[in-house]
Amino acid sequence: MQGRAALHDLAASPVVTEITAADRGIAALEQYVSARGLGGRVRCRHVDAADAAALDHLFAEDFDVAVDLLPVTLMGRVAAAAVRHGAHLVNTMYVTPEVRGLAGEAEARGVTILPEFGMDPGIDLVLLGEAVRGFDEVTDIQSYGSGIPEPAAADNPLRYKISWTFEGVLRSYRRGARLIRDGAVVRVGPAEQFLPENLHEVEIAGVGPLEAYPNGDALDFASLLGLEVTHLKNLGRFTLRHPGHCQFWRTMVALHLLDDEPVEVDGAAVDRKRFLAAALEPHLQYREGERDLGILRVEVAGTREGKRQRVVFDLLDRGDLATGLTAMSRLVGFTASIGAQMIGTGQLAKRGLLSPVTDVPWAPLALKLEKRGITVTRTVS
């Protein structure tokens, strides 16, 4: 879903001269390219990225930049093939130890690897870097991300529809979290994410009140931003959902329907999350005319020139009914495409493993997003 948006954006760019799109599902890829009238600009290749020889054969075509929007399990082998063949690389996933281990070789070969460059992670990390650089001292950081139906389309018991891999969503519901609350490090276990004491409400203009639950290790932000954990009063990374969503999944967790251990049914081991994803996915699809929302909010507070200050960045994007691209795919796929073009044109010239926090300037990214109808507002108080 995100690959379609990246392909759409690359094909519309005057600085991109050649595009090869590779996928295991070649028929669906060719149908999409044909339906969008991209056949003159896009070559389609059948590639199974689980096959190292097939990846090597693909990268031997001597590309300047590759955009990886495959499942995270393939991230390491794609990165290794890109570095081996001297192709710069952009992906949208958190850095794995395997990819981090390629940093030295990438730098030596003059290759740029830009990971974590989608929506969340991606735009949020660039905003965090931009916000923090304006302070003399930072005391509070709260980061929010969400992909949800617009209110009119939130019409099922979950008040949620799928704009990402639903199995991945269910895995994130058992991720657990680590945050700082009132100066103390708090660990939220996988079974505790949806407990009332770990939730709070956030008002998003144009949407209304949403509930926020902790998701992931926010202390990683402190490391990326070069901040001392002991100096922070509050630090959190949260996901937003329509009201009632967390109560539903709190019940599902209590019933052990998201446990990692398989359950035996008629002698067969059944993965609980994979079963739930397969059973629910058909009933959680967007209907014609319905749109999703992509939401980011970054809040940073501290002191500047001796005065207390709070900076809030807000992004709200809606699915585009004209192109059929969801807000989630626009924010992920367009951003990855922008990253590839910034590397290819020399706007991002650093080699080795980059971080969106420190290595991607906000001002030029903001202009490129605005040209695609994606606007971020900044409020200072």
Protein backbone atom coordinates (compact mmCIF):
# COMPACT_ATOMS: atom_id res chain seq x y z
CA MET A 1 0.00 0.00 0.00
CA GLN A 2 2.85 2.37 0.82
CA GLY A 3 4.80 1.27 -2.27
CA ARG A 4 2.01 2.49 -4.54
CA ALA A 5 2.30 5.98 -3.08
CA ALA A 6 6.09 6.03 -3.43
CA LEU A 7 5.80 4.89 -7.05
CA HIS A 8 3.11 7.52 -7.74
CA ASP A 9 5.34 10.26 -6.32
CA LEU A 10 8.53 9.15 -8.07
CA ALA A 11 6.75 8.92 -11.42
CA ALA A 12 5.50 12.50 -11.01
CA SER A 13 8.96 13.90 -10.32
CA PRO A 14 10.90 15.76 -13.02
CA VAL A 15 14.24 14.84 -11.40
CA VAL A 16 13.67 11.09 -11.66
CA THR A 17 14.69 9.74 -15.07
CA GLU A 18 14.28 5.97 -14.67
CA ILE A 19 12.18 3.85 -12.31
CA THR A 20 12.15 0.11 -11.76
CA ALA A 21 9.42 -1.30 -9.53
CA ALA A 22 10.02 -4.79 -8.15
CA ASP A 23 7.58 -7.04 -6.35
CA ARG A 24 6.82 -10.72 -5.83
CA GLY A 25 3.21 -10.05 -6.90
CA ILE A 26 4.08 -9.00 -10.42
CA ALA A 27 0.54 -9.23 -11.81
CA ALA A 28 -0.85 -6.75 -9.29
CA LEU A 29 2.12 -4.44 -9.84
CA GLU A 30 1.73 -4.47 -13.62
CA GLN A 31 -2.00 -3.87 -13.29
CA TYR A 32 -1.41 -0.85 -11.04
CA VAL A 33 1.25 0.61 -13.35
CA SER A 34 -1.00 0.14 -16.37
CA ALA A 35 -4.09 1.57 -14.68
CA ARG A 36 -2.14 4.69 -13.67
CA GLY A 37 -0.64 5.16 -17.12
CA LEU A 38 2.90 4.78 -15.79
CA GLY A 39 4.06 2.21 -18.32
CA GLY A 40 6.22 4.73 -20.16
CA ARG A 41 8.22 5.61 -17.04
CA VAL A 42 8.17 2.45 -14.94
CA ARG A 43 9.74 -0.95 -15.65
CA CYS A 44 8.26 -3.81 -13.64
CA ARG A 45 10.37 -6.68 -12.35
CA HIS A 46 9.32 -9.93 -10.69
CA VAL A 47 11.57 -10.33 -7.65
CA ASP A 48 11.24 -12.43 -4.52
CA ALA A 49 13.35 -10.50 -2.02
CA ALA A 50 13.77 -13.64 0.08
CA ASP A 51 16.02 -14.91 -2.75
CA ALA A 52 19.51 -13.39 -2.33
CA ALA A 53 20.47 -14.21 -5.92
CA ALA A 54 17.34 -12.46 -7.22
CA LEU A 55 18.17 -9.36 -5.16
CA ASP A 56 21.72 -9.33 -6.48
CA HIS A 57 20.45 -9.62 -10.02
CA LEU A 58 18.08 -6.69 -9.47
CA PHE A 59 20.69 -4.40 -7.88
CA ALA A 60 23.16 -5.25 -10.64
CA GLU A 61 21.07 -2.91 -12.84
CA ASP A 62 23.08 -0.06 -11.30
CA PHE A 63 20.48 2.13 -9.61
CA ASP A 64 21.35 5.41 -7.92
CA VAL A 65 18.85 4.97 -5.07
CA ALA A 66 16.57 2.19 -3.83
CA VAL A 67 13.38 2.63 -1.79
CA ASP A 68 12.57 -0.42 0.35
CA LEU A 69 8.91 -0.75 1.35
CA LEU A 70 8.95 -4.50 1.95
CA PRO A 71 8.16 -6.25 5.26
CA VAL A 72 10.69 -5.64 8.03
CA THR A 73 11.89 -9.26 7.90
CA LEU A 74 13.50 -8.48 4.51
CA MET A 75 15.07 -5.19 5.58
CA GLY A 76 18.54 -6.54 6.34
CA ARG A 77 19.04 -8.49 3.13
CA VAL A 78 17.79 -5.59 0.99
CA ALA A 79 20.17 -3.20 2.76
CA ALA A 80 23.09 -5.60 2.35
CA ALA A 81 22.40 -5.96 -1.38
CA ALA A 82 22.14 -2.19 -1.82
CA VAL A 83 25.45 -1.54 -0.06
CA ARG A 84 27.17 -4.38 -1.93
CA HIS A 85 26.15 -2.85 -5.27
CA GLY A 86 26.75 0.78 -4.29
CA ALA A 87 23.11 1.93 -4.30
CA HIS A 88 21.87 4.47 -1.77
CA LEU A 89 18.89 3.23 0.25
CA VAL A 90 15.80 4.64 1.95
CA ASN A 91 13.41 2.63 4.11
CA THR A 92 10.68 3.45 6.60
CA MET A 93 11.43 1.05 9.45
CA TYR A 94 13.30 1.31 12.73
CA VAL A 95 16.97 0.42 12.42
CA THR A 96 17.75 -3.21 13.16
CA PRO A 97 21.13 -4.41 14.46
CA GLU A 98 21.69 -6.03 11.06
CA VAL A 99 21.33 -2.72 9.23
CA ARG A 100 23.31 -0.83 11.87
CA GLY A 101 26.10 -3.29 11.27
CA LEU A 102 26.33 -2.11 7.64
CA ALA A 103 27.10 1.49 8.60
CA GLY A 104 30.87 1.22 8.27
CA GLU A 105 30.78 -0.62 4.95
CA ALA A 106 28.20 1.81 3.57
CA GLU A 107 30.37 4.81 4.45
CA ALA A 108 33.46 3.16 2.98
CA ARG A 109 31.63 2.48 -0.27
CA GLY A 110 30.17 6.00 -0.43
CA VAL A 111 26.62 4.76 0.17
CA THR A 112 23.89 6.54 2.13
CA ILE A 113 21.39 4.51 4.17
CA LEU A 114 18.43 6.59 5.34
CA PRO A 115 16.18 4.41 7.53
CA GLU A 116 13.14 5.44 9.57
CA PHE A 117 12.01 7.83 6.87
CA GLY A 118 8.29 7.46 6.54
CA MET A 119 5.52 8.89 8.69
CA ASP A 120 6.17 7.44 12.15
CA PRO A 121 9.08 6.85 12.24
CA GLY A 122 10.10 9.54 9.80
CA ILE A 123 8.44 12.95 9.75
CA ASP A 124 8.02 12.77 13.53
CA LEU A 125 11.76 12.29 14.05
CA VAL A 126 12.66 15.25 11.83
CA LEU A 127 10.16 17.37 13.78
CA LEU A 128 11.63 16.25 17.10
CA GLY A 129 15.09 17.26 15.99
CA GLU A 130 13.82 20.63 14.76
CA ALA A 131 11.85 21.34 17.95
CA VAL A 132 14.60 20.37 20.39
CA ARG A 133 17.27 22.46 18.64
CA GLY A 134 15.35 25.64 19.55
CA PHE A 135 15.67 25.10 23.33
CA ASP A 136 18.42 25.77 25.83
CA GLU A 137 17.02 23.03 28.06
CA VAL A 138 14.32 20.45 27.32
CA THR A 139 12.11 19.06 30.08
CA ASP A 140 9.12 17.50 28.29
CA ILE A 141 8.65 15.58 25.02
CA GLN A 142 5.44 13.92 23.88
CA SER A 143 5.13 12.35 20.42
CA TYR A 144 1.86 11.09 18.92
CA GLY A 145 1.13 9.18 15.73
CA SER A 146 -2.03 7.68 14.29
CA GLY A 147 -3.66 6.19 11.24
CA ILE A 148 -7.43 6.01 11.81
CA PRO A 149 -10.69 6.41 9.87
CA GLU A 150 -12.20 9.86 9.63
CA PRO A 151 -15.05 10.10 12.16
CA ALA A 152 -17.78 9.37 9.59
CA ALA A 153 -16.01 6.14 8.58
CA ALA A 154 -15.36 4.93 12.15
CA ASP A 155 -18.58 2.93 12.07
CA ASN A 156 -17.63 -0.51 13.42
CA PRO A 157 -17.15 -1.76 17.01
CA LEU A 158 -13.40 -1.08 16.85
CA ARG A 159 -13.85 2.41 15.34
CA TYR A 160 -10.83 1.42 13.24
CA LYS A 161 -10.11 0.37 9.65
CA ILE A 162 -6.97 -0.94 8.01
CA SER A 163 -4.45 1.34 6.31
CA TRP A 164 -1.44 -0.75 7.36
CA THR A 165 -0.74 -4.44 7.90
CA PHE A 166 -3.29 -5.43 10.54
CA GLU A 167 -1.12 -8.24 11.87
CA GLY A 168 1.56 -5.60 12.46
CA VAL A 169 -0.99 -3.45 14.32
CA LEU A 170 -1.84 -6.40 16.58
CA ARG A 171 1.85 -7.03 17.27
CA SER A 172 2.20 -3.37 18.30
CA TYR A 173 -0.64 -3.89 20.78
CA ARG A 174 1.71 -6.21 22.67
CA ARG A 175 4.88 -4.13 22.27
CA GLY A 176 4.85 -2.60 25.72
CA ALA A 177 6.45 0.77 26.39
CA ARG A 178 8.94 2.72 28.41
CA LEU A 179 8.44 6.39 29.24
CA ILE A 180 9.22 9.08 31.80
CA ARG A 181 6.38 10.31 33.96
CA ASP A 182 6.93 13.05 36.56
CA GLY A 183 10.68 12.45 36.43
CA ALA A 184 10.52 8.67 36.92
CA VAL A 185 11.12 5.98 34.32
CA VAL A 186 7.95 3.92 33.92
CA ARG A 187 7.83 0.52 32.23
CA VAL A 188 4.49 -0.48 30.72
CA GLY A 189 4.27 -4.21 30.13
CA PRO A 190 2.66 -5.77 27.03
CA ALA A 191 -0.49 -6.55 29.04
CA GLU A 192 -0.72 -3.02 30.47
CA GLN A 193 -0.76 -0.74 27.40
CA PHE A 194 -4.53 -0.24 27.50
CA LEU A 195 -5.04 0.08 31.25
CA PRO A 196 -6.83 3.33 32.22
CA GLU A 197 -3.85 4.63 34.20
CA ASN A 198 -1.73 4.52 31.04
CA LEU A 199 -4.21 6.39 28.81
CA HIS A 200 -4.92 10.07 28.34
CA GLU A 201 -7.04 12.20 26.02
CA VAL A 202 -5.75 14.44 23.24
CA GLU A 203 -7.86 16.97 21.34
CA ILE A 204 -7.05 17.14 17.62
CA ALA A 205 -8.50 20.10 15.72
CA GLY A 206 -10.86 18.94 13.00
CA VAL A 207 -11.18 15.47 14.53
CA GLY A 208 -12.11 15.83 18.19
CA PRO A 209 -10.98 13.97 21.32
CA LEU A 210 -8.81 10.89 20.82
CA GLU A 211 -7.36 8.49 23.35
CA ALA A 212 -3.60 8.01 23.55
CA TYR A 213 -1.88 4.84 24.71
CA PRO A 214 1.89 4.35 25.18
CA ASN A 215 3.62 2.52 22.36
CA GLY A 216 7.32 1.70 22.21
CA ASP A 217 10.44 2.80 24.03
CA ALA A 218 10.38 6.59 24.23
CA LEU A 219 13.76 6.64 25.96
CA ASP A 220 15.26 6.00 22.52
CA PHE A 221 14.25 9.58 21.71
CA ALA A 222 16.51 10.89 24.45
CA SER A 223 19.46 9.01 23.01
CA LEU A 224 18.75 10.17 19.45
CA LEU A 225 18.37 13.78 20.60
CA GLY A 226 21.43 13.77 22.83
CA LEU A 227 19.40 14.50 25.98
CA GLU A 228 20.09 13.32 29.51
CA VAL A 229 17.22 11.16 30.78
CA THR A 230 17.70 12.51 34.29
CA HIS A 231 16.92 16.05 33.06
CA LEU A 232 13.54 15.10 31.58
CA LYS A 233 10.30 15.41 33.51
CA ASN A 234 8.02 13.76 30.95
CA LEU A 235 8.85 11.74 27.84
CA GLY A 236 6.42 9.58 25.92
CA ARG A 237 5.62 8.02 22.57
CA PHE A 238 1.91 7.42 22.01
CA THR A 239 -0.55 6.13 19.45
CA LEU A 240 -3.96 7.78 19.00
CA ARG A 241 -7.28 5.99 18.53
CA HIS A 242 -10.96 6.91 18.54
CA PRO A 243 -12.58 6.73 22.00
CA GLY A 244 -13.56 3.19 23.00
CA HIS A 245 -10.84 1.45 21.00
CA CYS A 246 -8.57 0.91 23.98
CA GLN A 247 -11.36 -0.49 26.14
CA PHE A 248 -12.11 -3.10 23.47
CA TRP A 249 -8.48 -4.23 23.26
CA ARG A 250 -8.12 -4.14 27.04
CA THR A 251 -10.80 -6.83 27.07
CA MET A 252 -9.08 -8.81 24.32
CA VAL A 253 -5.78 -8.71 26.22
CA ALA A 254 -7.51 -9.83 29.42
CA LEU A 255 -8.97 -12.79 27.49
CA HIS A 256 -5.43 -13.70 26.29
CA LEU A 257 -6.42 -13.38 22.64
CA LEU A 258 -3.22 -11.43 21.88
CA ASP A 259 -0.82 -13.75 23.69
CA ASP A 260 2.28 -14.80 21.79
CA GLU A 261 1.92 -18.50 22.56
CA PRO A 262 -0.06 -20.48 19.95
CA VAL A 263 -3.25 -22.23 20.99
CA GLU A 264 -3.90 -25.81 19.92
CA VAL A 265 -7.10 -26.38 17.95
CA ASP A 266 -7.91 -29.90 16.75
CA GLY A 267 -4.25 -30.80 16.93
CA ALA A 268 -3.05 -27.75 15.02
CA ALA A 269 -1.06 -24.86 16.54
CA VAL A 270 -2.85 -21.57 15.79
CA ASP A 271 -1.14 -18.20 16.12
CA ARG A 272 -3.69 -16.04 17.93
CA LYS A 273 -2.78 -12.71 16.32
CA ARG A 274 -2.57 -14.17 12.82
CA PHE A 275 -5.99 -15.76 13.32
CA LEU A 276 -7.50 -12.49 14.56
CA ALA A 277 -5.99 -10.59 11.65
CA ALA A 278 -7.35 -13.07 9.11
CA ALA A 279 -10.79 -13.14 10.75
CA LEU A 280 -11.19 -9.38 11.18
CA GLU A 281 -9.44 -7.93 8.11
CA PRO A 282 -12.35 -8.46 5.67
CA HIS A 283 -14.64 -6.48 8.00
CA LEU A 284 -12.25 -3.58 8.58
CA GLN A 285 -11.75 -2.34 5.03
CA TYR A 286 -12.46 1.18 3.80
CA ARG A 287 -15.51 1.41 1.56
CA GLU A 288 -15.68 3.54 -1.54
CA GLY A 289 -15.79 7.23 -0.63
CA GLU A 290 -14.36 6.72 2.87
CA ARG A 291 -11.10 8.33 3.93
CA ASP A 292 -8.49 7.63 6.54
CA LEU A 293 -6.60 10.20 8.61
CA GLY A 294 -2.87 10.39 9.20
CA ILE A 295 -2.09 12.32 12.39
CA LEU A 296 1.20 13.41 13.93
CA ARG A 297 1.73 15.65 16.92
CA VAL A 298 5.09 16.51 18.51
CA GLU A 299 5.15 18.53 21.74
CA VAL A 300 8.40 19.81 23.26
CA ALA A 301 8.67 22.05 26.32
CA GLY A 302 11.61 23.56 28.16
CA THR A 303 13.41 26.85 28.59
CA ARG A 304 14.72 29.27 26.01
CA GLU A 305 16.60 32.43 26.97
CA GLY A 306 15.47 31.95 30.56
CA LYS A 307 11.74 31.64 29.74
CA ARG A 308 9.47 28.61 29.69
CA GLN A 309 8.27 27.69 26.21
CA ARG A 310 6.23 24.95 24.54
CA VAL A 311 6.41 24.13 20.82
CA VAL A 312 3.75 21.95 19.19
CA PHE A 313 3.93 20.62 15.64
CA ASP A 314 0.65 19.24 14.20
CA LEU A 315 0.05 17.31 10.99
CA LEU A 316 -3.35 16.08 9.80
CA ASP A 317 -3.63 14.49 6.38
CA ARG A 318 -6.67 12.87 4.74
CA GLY A 319 -6.89 10.09 2.19
CA ASP A 320 -7.01 11.35 -1.40
CA LEU A 321 -10.14 10.02 -3.12
CA ALA A 322 -8.95 11.29 -6.51
CA THR A 323 -5.79 9.14 -6.52
CA GLY A 324 -7.09 6.41 -4.21
CA LEU A 325 -4.06 6.89 -1.96
CA THR A 326 -4.67 6.70 1.77
CA ALA A 327 -3.30 9.33 4.13
CA MET A 328 -1.10 6.63 5.64
CA SER A 329 0.36 5.68 2.26
CA ARG A 330 0.89 9.33 1.33
CA LEU A 331 2.73 10.13 4.55
CA VAL A 332 4.88 7.00 4.37
CA GLY A 333 5.37 6.53 0.63
CA PHE A 334 5.68 10.20 -0.34
CA THR A 335 8.20 10.80 2.45
CA ALA A 336 10.32 7.82 1.37
CA SER A 337 10.21 9.12 -2.21
CA ILE A 338 11.28 12.58 -1.05
CA GLY A 339 14.20 11.05 0.85
CA ALA A 340 15.33 9.13 -2.22
CA GLN A 341 15.17 12.26 -4.36
CA MET A 342 17.05 14.35 -1.77
CA ILE A 343 19.84 11.77 -1.80
CA GLY A 344 19.82 11.40 -5.58
CA THR A 345 20.07 15.16 -6.18
CA GLY A 346 22.77 15.67 -3.56
CA GLN A 347 20.62 17.54 -1.03
CA LEU A 348 21.51 14.80 1.46
CA ALA A 349 25.20 14.24 0.79
CA LYS A 350 26.32 12.53 4.00
CA ARG A 351 27.38 8.89 3.57
CA GLY A 352 26.93 5.95 5.90
CA LEU A 353 23.96 5.40 8.21
CA LEU A 354 21.86 8.56 8.65
CA SER A 355 19.26 9.52 11.23
CA PRO A 356 16.22 11.70 10.37
CA VAL A 357 16.68 13.41 13.74
CA THR A 358 20.12 14.83 13.04
CA ASP A 359 20.74 14.49 9.31
CA VAL A 360 17.54 15.69 7.60
CA PRO A 361 16.82 19.45 7.82
CA TRP A 362 13.18 20.32 8.46
CA ALA A 363 12.82 23.43 6.26
CA PRO A 364 13.41 21.76 2.85
CA LEU A 365 11.37 18.71 3.86
CA ALA A 366 8.48 20.96 4.91
CA LEU A 367 8.48 22.66 1.50
CA LYS A 368 8.46 19.32 -0.31
CA LEU A 369 5.58 18.03 1.81
CA GLU A 370 3.59 21.22 1.22
CA LYS A 371 3.95 20.78 -2.54
CA ARG A 372 2.22 17.43 -2.05
CA GLY A 373 -0.62 18.96 -0.02
CA ILE A 374 0.79 17.89 3.36
CA THR A 375 0.97 20.78 5.82
CA VAL A 376 2.50 20.94 9.29
CA THR A 377 1.51 23.74 11.66
CA ARG A 378 3.77 25.07 14.43
CA THR A 379 2.40 26.64 17.62
CA VAL A 380 4.59 28.31 20.24
CA SER A 381 3.30 29.22 23.70
